[in-house]
Amino acid sequence: MNFFATENLKVGYKNTVVVDRINIDLNKGEIICLLGPNGCGKSTILKTITDHIKRIGGSMTVLGKDLNHLSIKNKAKEMSVVLTERINPGMMLAEEVVAIGRYPHTNYFGKLNKKDLEIINESIEIVEGEKLRYKEFQSLSDGEKQRIMIARAICQEADIMVLDEPTSFLDIKFKIELLNILKKLSLEKNKTIIMSLHEIDLVSKIADKALLIKDGK
């Protein structure tokens, strides 16, 4: 049985189909990259997988269980998300934004324990964000914000990570570093990663599989 799968997934808005018959089969620890021209539907597919957009048809399963049958909290334990939309957490520090990733694992009051704090620290270190942790998130550059959002996703400790163009706003040095981080997460922590990329030349360095999208197919 595949760890994550879609079967004849149909995505779009209301009754307008953007991409049809999407079939993905991923084992635990595999990375798939979505490729295609701007506006082809990459983000629509990812937002459907993460349930930001309701699917029009087909199925999405984790270990054979339909994702729609999971509670919001259990879905957050299975899947962490980094989308292109910018968040506005007010005056929160970068470290506090990362800590949000722990809340699916905390009790009703959202209290962080020693283990949670260790995971927060490790996640910040993985993205080399130690110098950012005590800065207001809103004061960070786009590239620095991206690091913190990826640290938050790592902190969530979900088996599946979904990232929409995670290399956007990053210089080439950190693009390579980030892809190395994601590859390391797949190899050492068995993370299954679903992501879109613009940099076709980088795909072969990270992906086990690629999904090519054009003209709604």
C-alpha atoms as a PDB file:
ATOM      1  CA  MET A   1       0.000   0.000   0.000  1.00  0.00           C
ATOM      2  CA  ASN A   2       1.295   3.467  -0.875  1.00  0.00           C
ATOM      3  CA  PHE A   3       1.741   5.896   1.985  1.00  0.00           C
ATOM      4  CA  PHE A   4       0.081   8.814   0.166  1.00  0.00           C
ATOM      5  CA  ALA A   5      -2.038   8.501  -2.955  1.00  0.00           C
ATOM      6  CA  THR A   6      -4.499  10.380  -5.118  1.00  0.00           C
ATOM      7  CA  GLU A   7      -6.747   8.583  -7.577  1.00  0.00           C
ATOM      8  CA  ASN A   8      -8.394  10.472 -10.434  1.00  0.00           C
ATOM      9  CA  LEU A   9      -8.221  13.623  -8.328  1.00  0.00           C
ATOM     10  CA  LYS A  10     -10.052  16.513  -9.956  1.00  0.00           C
ATOM     11  CA  VAL A  11      -9.221  20.033  -8.746  1.00  0.00           C
ATOM     12  CA  GLY A  12     -10.541  23.502  -9.441  1.00  0.00           C
ATOM     13  CA  TYR A  13     -12.916  26.162  -8.159  1.00  0.00           C
ATOM     14  CA  LYS A  14     -16.613  25.447  -7.663  1.00  0.00           C
ATOM     15  CA  ASN A  15     -17.513  23.485 -10.810  1.00  0.00           C
ATOM     16  CA  THR A  16     -14.651  24.729 -12.984  1.00  0.00           C
ATOM     17  CA  VAL A  17     -12.001  22.023 -13.348  1.00  0.00           C
ATOM     18  CA  VAL A  18      -8.396  23.297 -13.507  1.00  0.00           C
ATOM     19  CA  VAL A  19      -6.560  19.953 -13.584  1.00  0.00           C
ATOM     20  CA  ASP A  20      -8.194  16.559 -14.126  1.00  0.00           C
ATOM     21  CA  ARG A  21      -7.244  12.927 -13.443  1.00  0.00           C
ATOM     22  CA  ILE A  22      -4.322  13.478 -11.056  1.00  0.00           C
ATOM     23  CA  ASN A  23      -2.835  10.169  -9.916  1.00  0.00           C
ATOM     24  CA  ILE A  24      -0.013  10.260  -7.382  1.00  0.00           C
ATOM     25  CA  ASP A  25       1.549   7.301  -5.558  1.00  0.00           C
ATOM     26  CA  LEU A  26       4.167   8.060  -2.909  1.00  0.00           C
ATOM     27  CA  ASN A  27       5.999   5.844  -0.471  1.00  0.00           C
ATOM     28  CA  LYS A  28       7.040   7.185   2.908  1.00  0.00           C
ATOM     29  CA  GLY A  29      10.154   9.321   2.560  1.00  0.00           C
ATOM     30  CA  GLU A  30       9.714  10.111  -1.136  1.00  0.00           C
ATOM     31  CA  ILE A  31       9.772  13.610  -2.650  1.00  0.00           C
ATOM     32  CA  ILE A  32       7.605  14.641  -5.588  1.00  0.00           C
ATOM     33  CA  CYS A  33       7.952  17.954  -7.438  1.00  0.00           C
ATOM     34  CA  LEU A  34       5.099  19.564  -9.386  1.00  0.00           C
ATOM     35  CA  LEU A  35       6.300  21.258 -12.555  1.00  0.00           C
ATOM     36  CA  GLY A  36       4.556  23.361 -15.171  1.00  0.00           C
ATOM     37  CA  PRO A  37       4.079  26.881 -16.514  1.00  0.00           C
ATOM     38  CA  ASN A  38       2.635  29.682 -14.383  1.00  0.00           C
ATOM     39  CA  GLY A  39      -1.111  29.309 -13.972  1.00  0.00           C
ATOM     40  CA  CYS A  40      -1.157  25.613 -14.893  1.00  0.00           C
ATOM     41  CA  GLY A  41      -2.694  24.556 -11.572  1.00  0.00           C
ATOM     42  CA  LYS A  42       0.262  23.577  -9.363  1.00  0.00           C
ATOM     43  CA  SER A  43      -0.925  25.705  -6.441  1.00  0.00           C
ATOM     44  CA  THR A  44      -4.511  24.538  -6.958  1.00  0.00           C
ATOM     45  CA  ILE A  45      -3.402  20.914  -6.608  1.00  0.00           C
ATOM     46  CA  LEU A  46      -1.430  21.655  -3.438  1.00  0.00           C
ATOM     47  CA  LYS A  47      -4.264  23.679  -1.895  1.00  0.00           C
ATOM     48  CA  THR A  48      -6.650  20.817  -2.637  1.00  0.00           C
ATOM     49  CA  ILE A  49      -4.308  18.276  -1.026  1.00  0.00           C
ATOM     50  CA  THR A  50      -4.116  20.508   2.069  1.00  0.00           C
ATOM     51  CA  ASP A  51      -7.906  21.048   2.049  1.00  0.00           C
ATOM     52  CA  HIS A  52      -7.669  24.816   1.541  1.00  0.00           C
ATOM     53  CA  ILE A  53      -9.809  24.153  -1.560  1.00  0.00           C
ATOM     54  CA  LYS A  54     -12.445  21.416  -1.710  1.00  0.00           C
ATOM     55  CA  ARG A  55     -11.752  18.764  -4.303  1.00  0.00           C
ATOM     56  CA  ILE A  56     -14.201  18.401  -7.148  1.00  0.00           C
ATOM     57  CA  GLY A  57     -13.736  14.652  -7.516  1.00  0.00           C
ATOM     58  CA  GLY A  58     -11.487  11.668  -6.912  1.00  0.00           C
ATOM     59  CA  SER A  59      -9.772  10.528  -3.725  1.00  0.00           C
ATOM     60  CA  MET A  60      -6.810  11.416  -1.502  1.00  0.00           C
ATOM     61  CA  THR A  61      -5.600   8.863   1.027  1.00  0.00           C
ATOM     62  CA  VAL A  62      -2.908   8.350   3.662  1.00  0.00           C
ATOM     63  CA  LEU A  63      -2.312   4.643   4.328  1.00  0.00           C
ATOM     64  CA  GLY A  64      -5.625   3.962   2.637  1.00  0.00           C
ATOM     65  CA  LYS A  65      -7.609   6.378   4.845  1.00  0.00           C
ATOM     66  CA  ASP A  66      -9.420   9.249   3.146  1.00  0.00           C
ATOM     67  CA  LEU A  67      -7.939  12.577   4.283  1.00  0.00           C
ATOM     68  CA  ASN A  68     -11.420  14.066   4.596  1.00  0.00           C
ATOM     69  CA  HIS A  69     -12.237  11.575   7.343  1.00  0.00           C
ATOM     70  CA  LEU A  70      -9.492  12.887   9.639  1.00  0.00           C
ATOM     71  CA  SER A  71     -10.213  15.545  12.263  1.00  0.00           C
ATOM     72  CA  ILE A  72      -8.545  18.931  11.848  1.00  0.00           C
ATOM     73  CA  LYS A  73      -6.107  18.135  14.672  1.00  0.00           C
ATOM     74  CA  ASN A  74      -5.226  14.680  13.303  1.00  0.00           C
ATOM     75  CA  LYS A  75      -4.838  16.111   9.805  1.00  0.00           C
ATOM     76  CA  ALA A  76      -2.388  18.662  11.228  1.00  0.00           C
ATOM     77  CA  LYS A  77      -0.389  15.790  12.729  1.00  0.00           C
ATOM     78  CA  GLU A  78      -0.235  14.086   9.325  1.00  0.00           C
ATOM     79  CA  MET A  79       0.473  17.133   7.153  1.00  0.00           C
ATOM     80  CA  SER A  80       2.346  20.435   7.524  1.00  0.00           C
ATOM     81  CA  VAL A  81       1.953  23.206   4.961  1.00  0.00           C
ATOM     82  CA  VAL A  82       3.987  26.126   3.592  1.00  0.00           C
ATOM     83  CA  LEU A  83       1.958  28.085   1.026  1.00  0.00           C
ATOM     84  CA  THR A  84       2.886  31.234  -0.880  1.00  0.00           C
ATOM     85  CA  GLU A  85       0.306  33.398   0.935  1.00  0.00           C
ATOM     86  CA  ARG A  86       1.876  35.726   3.467  1.00  0.00           C
ATOM     87  CA  ILE A  87       0.726  35.440   7.074  1.00  0.00           C
ATOM     88  CA  ASN A  88       0.373  38.414   9.414  1.00  0.00           C
ATOM     89  CA  PRO A  89       1.013  37.283  13.005  1.00  0.00           C
ATOM     90  CA  GLY A  90       1.032  40.798  14.396  1.00  0.00           C
ATOM     91  CA  MET A  91       3.952  41.451  16.763  1.00  0.00           C
ATOM     92  CA  MET A  92       4.902  37.801  17.265  1.00  0.00           C
ATOM     93  CA  LEU A  93       8.588  36.931  17.316  1.00  0.00           C
ATOM     94  CA  ALA A  94       9.992  34.499  14.765  1.00  0.00           C
ATOM     95  CA  GLU A  95      10.434  31.886  17.512  1.00  0.00           C
ATOM     96  CA  GLU A  96       6.747  32.230  18.462  1.00  0.00           C
ATOM     97  CA  VAL A  97       5.694  31.674  14.841  1.00  0.00           C
ATOM     98  CA  VAL A  98       7.771  28.483  14.746  1.00  0.00           C
ATOM     99  CA  ALA A  99       6.170  27.367  18.026  1.00  0.00           C
ATOM    100  CA  ILE A 100       2.712  27.437  16.409  1.00  0.00           C
ATOM    101  CA  GLY A 101       3.746  24.199  14.695  1.00  0.00           C
ATOM    102  CA  ARG A 102       3.647  22.394  18.057  1.00  0.00           C
ATOM    103  CA  TYR A 103       0.018  23.150  18.890  1.00  0.00           C
ATOM    104  CA  PRO A 104      -1.473  20.027  17.233  1.00  0.00           C
ATOM    105  CA  HIS A 105       0.584  18.075  19.802  1.00  0.00           C
ATOM    106  CA  THR A 106      -0.236  20.117  22.918  1.00  0.00           C
ATOM    107  CA  ASN A 107      -3.096  19.826  25.403  1.00  0.00           C
ATOM    108  CA  TYR A 108      -6.307  21.853  25.437  1.00  0.00           C
ATOM    109  CA  PHE A 109      -4.503  24.881  26.910  1.00  0.00           C
ATOM    110  CA  GLY A 110      -1.719  24.777  24.311  1.00  0.00           C
ATOM    111  CA  LYS A 111       1.006  24.552  26.973  1.00  0.00           C
ATOM    112  CA  LEU A 112       4.472  23.760  25.618  1.00  0.00           C
ATOM    113  CA  ASN A 113       6.551  21.212  27.533  1.00  0.00           C
ATOM    114  CA  LYS A 114      10.294  20.549  27.559  1.00  0.00           C
ATOM    115  CA  LYS A 115      10.093  18.240  24.527  1.00  0.00           C
ATOM    116  CA  ASP A 116       8.149  20.881  22.548  1.00  0.00           C
ATOM    117  CA  LEU A 117      10.807  23.495  23.307  1.00  0.00           C
ATOM    118  CA  GLU A 118      13.579  21.118  22.210  1.00  0.00           C
ATOM    119  CA  ILE A 119      11.795  20.480  18.903  1.00  0.00           C
ATOM    120  CA  ILE A 120      11.288  24.242  18.381  1.00  0.00           C
ATOM    121  CA  ASN A 121      15.009  24.830  18.936  1.00  0.00           C
ATOM    122  CA  GLU A 122      15.995  21.982  16.609  1.00  0.00           C
ATOM    123  CA  SER A 123      13.664  23.252  13.864  1.00  0.00           C
ATOM    124  CA  ILE A 124      15.156  26.751  14.032  1.00  0.00           C
ATOM    125  CA  GLU A 125      18.672  25.315  13.912  1.00  0.00           C
ATOM    126  CA  ILE A 126      17.854  23.162  10.870  1.00  0.00           C
ATOM    127  CA  VAL A 127      17.022  26.279   8.801  1.00  0.00           C
ATOM    128  CA  GLU A 128      19.914  28.253  10.321  1.00  0.00           C
ATOM    129  CA  GLY A 129      17.496  30.722  11.866  1.00  0.00           C
ATOM    130  CA  GLU A 130      19.185  31.227  15.255  1.00  0.00           C
ATOM    131  CA  LYS A 131      19.879  34.916  14.539  1.00  0.00           C
ATOM    132  CA  LEU A 132      16.228  35.487  13.610  1.00  0.00           C
ATOM    133  CA  ARG A 133      14.436  33.873  16.528  1.00  0.00           C
ATOM    134  CA  TYR A 134      14.028  36.985  18.720  1.00  0.00           C
ATOM    135  CA  LYS A 135      13.148  39.350  15.882  1.00  0.00           C
ATOM    136  CA  GLU A 136       9.575  40.348  15.046  1.00  0.00           C
ATOM    137  CA  PHE A 137       8.400  38.159  12.184  1.00  0.00           C
ATOM    138  CA  GLN A 138       7.016  41.146  10.279  1.00  0.00           C
ATOM    139  CA  SER A 139      10.432  42.840  10.324  1.00  0.00           C
ATOM    140  CA  LEU A 140      12.125  39.951   8.483  1.00  0.00           C
ATOM    141  CA  SER A 141      12.981  39.915   4.788  1.00  0.00           C
ATOM    142  CA  ASP A 142      10.949  37.658   2.483  1.00  0.00           C
ATOM    143  CA  GLY A 143      13.734  35.070   2.467  1.00  0.00           C
ATOM    144  CA  GLU A 144      14.023  35.125   6.268  1.00  0.00           C
ATOM    145  CA  LYS A 145      10.248  34.749   6.628  1.00  0.00           C
ATOM    146  CA  GLN A 146      10.424  31.731   4.330  1.00  0.00           C
ATOM    147  CA  ARG A 147      13.034  30.102   6.570  1.00  0.00           C
ATOM    148  CA  ILE A 148      10.844  30.633   9.629  1.00  0.00           C
ATOM    149  CA  MET A 149       7.742  29.248   7.901  1.00  0.00           C
ATOM    150  CA  ILE A 150       9.684  26.140   6.896  1.00  0.00           C
ATOM    151  CA  ALA A 151      10.968  25.813  10.466  1.00  0.00           C
ATOM    152  CA  ARG A 152       7.336  25.951  11.639  1.00  0.00           C
ATOM    153  CA  ALA A 153       6.460  23.131   9.221  1.00  0.00           C
ATOM    154  CA  ILE A 154       9.403  21.038  10.463  1.00  0.00           C
ATOM    155  CA  CYS A 155       8.393  21.759  14.050  1.00  0.00           C
ATOM    156  CA  GLN A 156       4.946  20.288  13.379  1.00  0.00           C
ATOM    157  CA  GLU A 157       6.572  16.851  12.942  1.00  0.00           C
ATOM    158  CA  ALA A 158       4.001  15.775  10.357  1.00  0.00           C
ATOM    159  CA  ASP A 159       4.770  12.781   8.150  1.00  0.00           C
ATOM    160  CA  ILE A 160       3.853  14.789   5.025  1.00  0.00           C
ATOM    161  CA  MET A 161       5.180  18.246   4.167  1.00  0.00           C
ATOM    162  CA  VAL A 162       3.450  20.268   1.427  1.00  0.00           C
ATOM    163  CA  LEU A 163       5.355  23.281   0.111  1.00  0.00           C
ATOM    164  CA  ASP A 164       4.288  25.715  -2.606  1.00  0.00           C
ATOM    165  CA  GLU A 165       7.405  27.138  -4.278  1.00  0.00           C
ATOM    166  CA  PRO A 166       9.485  27.117  -1.065  1.00  0.00           C
ATOM    167  CA  THR A 167      12.524  28.537  -2.874  1.00  0.00           C
ATOM    168  CA  SER A 168      10.724  31.779  -3.785  1.00  0.00           C
ATOM    169  CA  PHE A 169      12.440  34.939  -2.483  1.00  0.00           C
ATOM    170  CA  LEU A 170      15.635  33.008  -1.675  1.00  0.00           C
ATOM    171  CA  ASP A 171      19.068  33.642  -3.124  1.00  0.00           C
ATOM    172  CA  ILE A 172      20.721  30.738  -4.942  1.00  0.00           C
ATOM    173  CA  LYS A 173      22.891  29.832  -1.937  1.00  0.00           C
ATOM    174  CA  PHE A 174      19.932  29.289   0.378  1.00  0.00           C
ATOM    175  CA  LYS A 175      17.874  27.661  -2.387  1.00  0.00           C
ATOM    176  CA  ILE A 176      20.495  24.916  -2.545  1.00  0.00           C
ATOM    177  CA  GLU A 177      20.729  24.778   1.249  1.00  0.00           C
ATOM    178  CA  LEU A 178      16.950  24.539   1.579  1.00  0.00           C
ATOM    179  CA  LEU A 179      16.676  21.718  -0.944  1.00  0.00           C
ATOM    180  CA  ASN A 180      19.459  19.911   0.916  1.00  0.00           C
ATOM    181  CA  ILE A 181      17.471  20.374   4.145  1.00  0.00           C
ATOM    182  CA  LEU A 182      14.353  18.886   2.554  1.00  0.00           C
ATOM    183  CA  LYS A 183      16.317  15.967   1.084  1.00  0.00           C
ATOM    184  CA  LYS A 184      17.858  15.314   4.494  1.00  0.00           C
ATOM    185  CA  LEU A 185      14.381  15.345   6.100  1.00  0.00           C
ATOM    186  CA  SER A 186      13.195  12.750   3.589  1.00  0.00           C
ATOM    187  CA  LEU A 187      16.240  10.511   4.075  1.00  0.00           C
ATOM    188  CA  GLU A 188      16.829  10.833   7.817  1.00  0.00           C
ATOM    189  CA  LYS A 189      13.335  11.536   9.166  1.00  0.00           C
ATOM    190  CA  ASN A 190      11.369   9.689   6.475  1.00  0.00           C
ATOM    191  CA  LYS A 191       9.300  12.753   5.559  1.00  0.00           C
ATOM    192  CA  THR A 192       7.124  12.509   2.465  1.00  0.00           C
ATOM    193  CA  ILE A 193       7.400  15.845   0.656  1.00  0.00           C
ATOM    194  CA  ILE A 194       5.043  17.267  -1.987  1.00  0.00           C
ATOM    195  CA  MET A 195       6.259  20.534  -3.471  1.00  0.00           C
ATOM    196  CA  SER A 196       6.165  22.807  -6.491  1.00  0.00           C
ATOM    197  CA  LEU A 197       9.302  24.312  -7.964  1.00  0.00           C
ATOM    198  CA  HIS A 198      10.142  26.841 -10.670  1.00  0.00           C
ATOM    199  CA  GLU A 199      13.783  25.799 -10.936  1.00  0.00           C
ATOM    200  CA  ILE A 200      13.631  22.811 -13.265  1.00  0.00           C
ATOM    201  CA  ASP A 201      17.408  22.361 -13.117  1.00  0.00           C
ATOM    202  CA  LEU A 202      17.201  21.733  -9.359  1.00  0.00           C
ATOM    203  CA  VAL A 203      14.493  19.056  -9.538  1.00  0.00           C
ATOM    204  CA  SER A 204      16.884  16.218 -10.396  1.00  0.00           C
ATOM    205  CA  LYS A 205      18.910  17.046  -7.280  1.00  0.00           C
ATOM    206  CA  ILE A 206      16.006  16.482  -4.900  1.00  0.00           C
ATOM    207  CA  ALA A 207      12.997  14.689  -6.399  1.00  0.00           C
ATOM    208  CA  ASP A 208      12.213  10.973  -6.532  1.00  0.00           C
ATOM    209  CA  LYS A 209       9.264  11.721  -8.811  1.00  0.00           C
ATOM    210  CA  ALA A 210       7.923  14.628 -10.855  1.00  0.00           C
ATOM    211  CA  LEU A 211       4.369  15.525 -11.827  1.00  0.00           C
ATOM    212  CA  LEU A 212       4.226  17.491 -15.096  1.00  0.00           C
ATOM    213  CA  ILE A 213       1.165  19.692 -15.639  1.00  0.00           C
ATOM    214  CA  LYS A 214       0.038  21.417 -18.818  1.00  0.00           C
ATOM    215  CA  ASP A 215      -3.331  22.294 -20.379  1.00  0.00           C
ATOM    216  CA  GLY A 216      -5.281  20.854 -17.451  1.00  0.00           C
ATOM    217  CA  LYS A 217      -3.664  17.412 -17.641  1.00  0.00           C
END
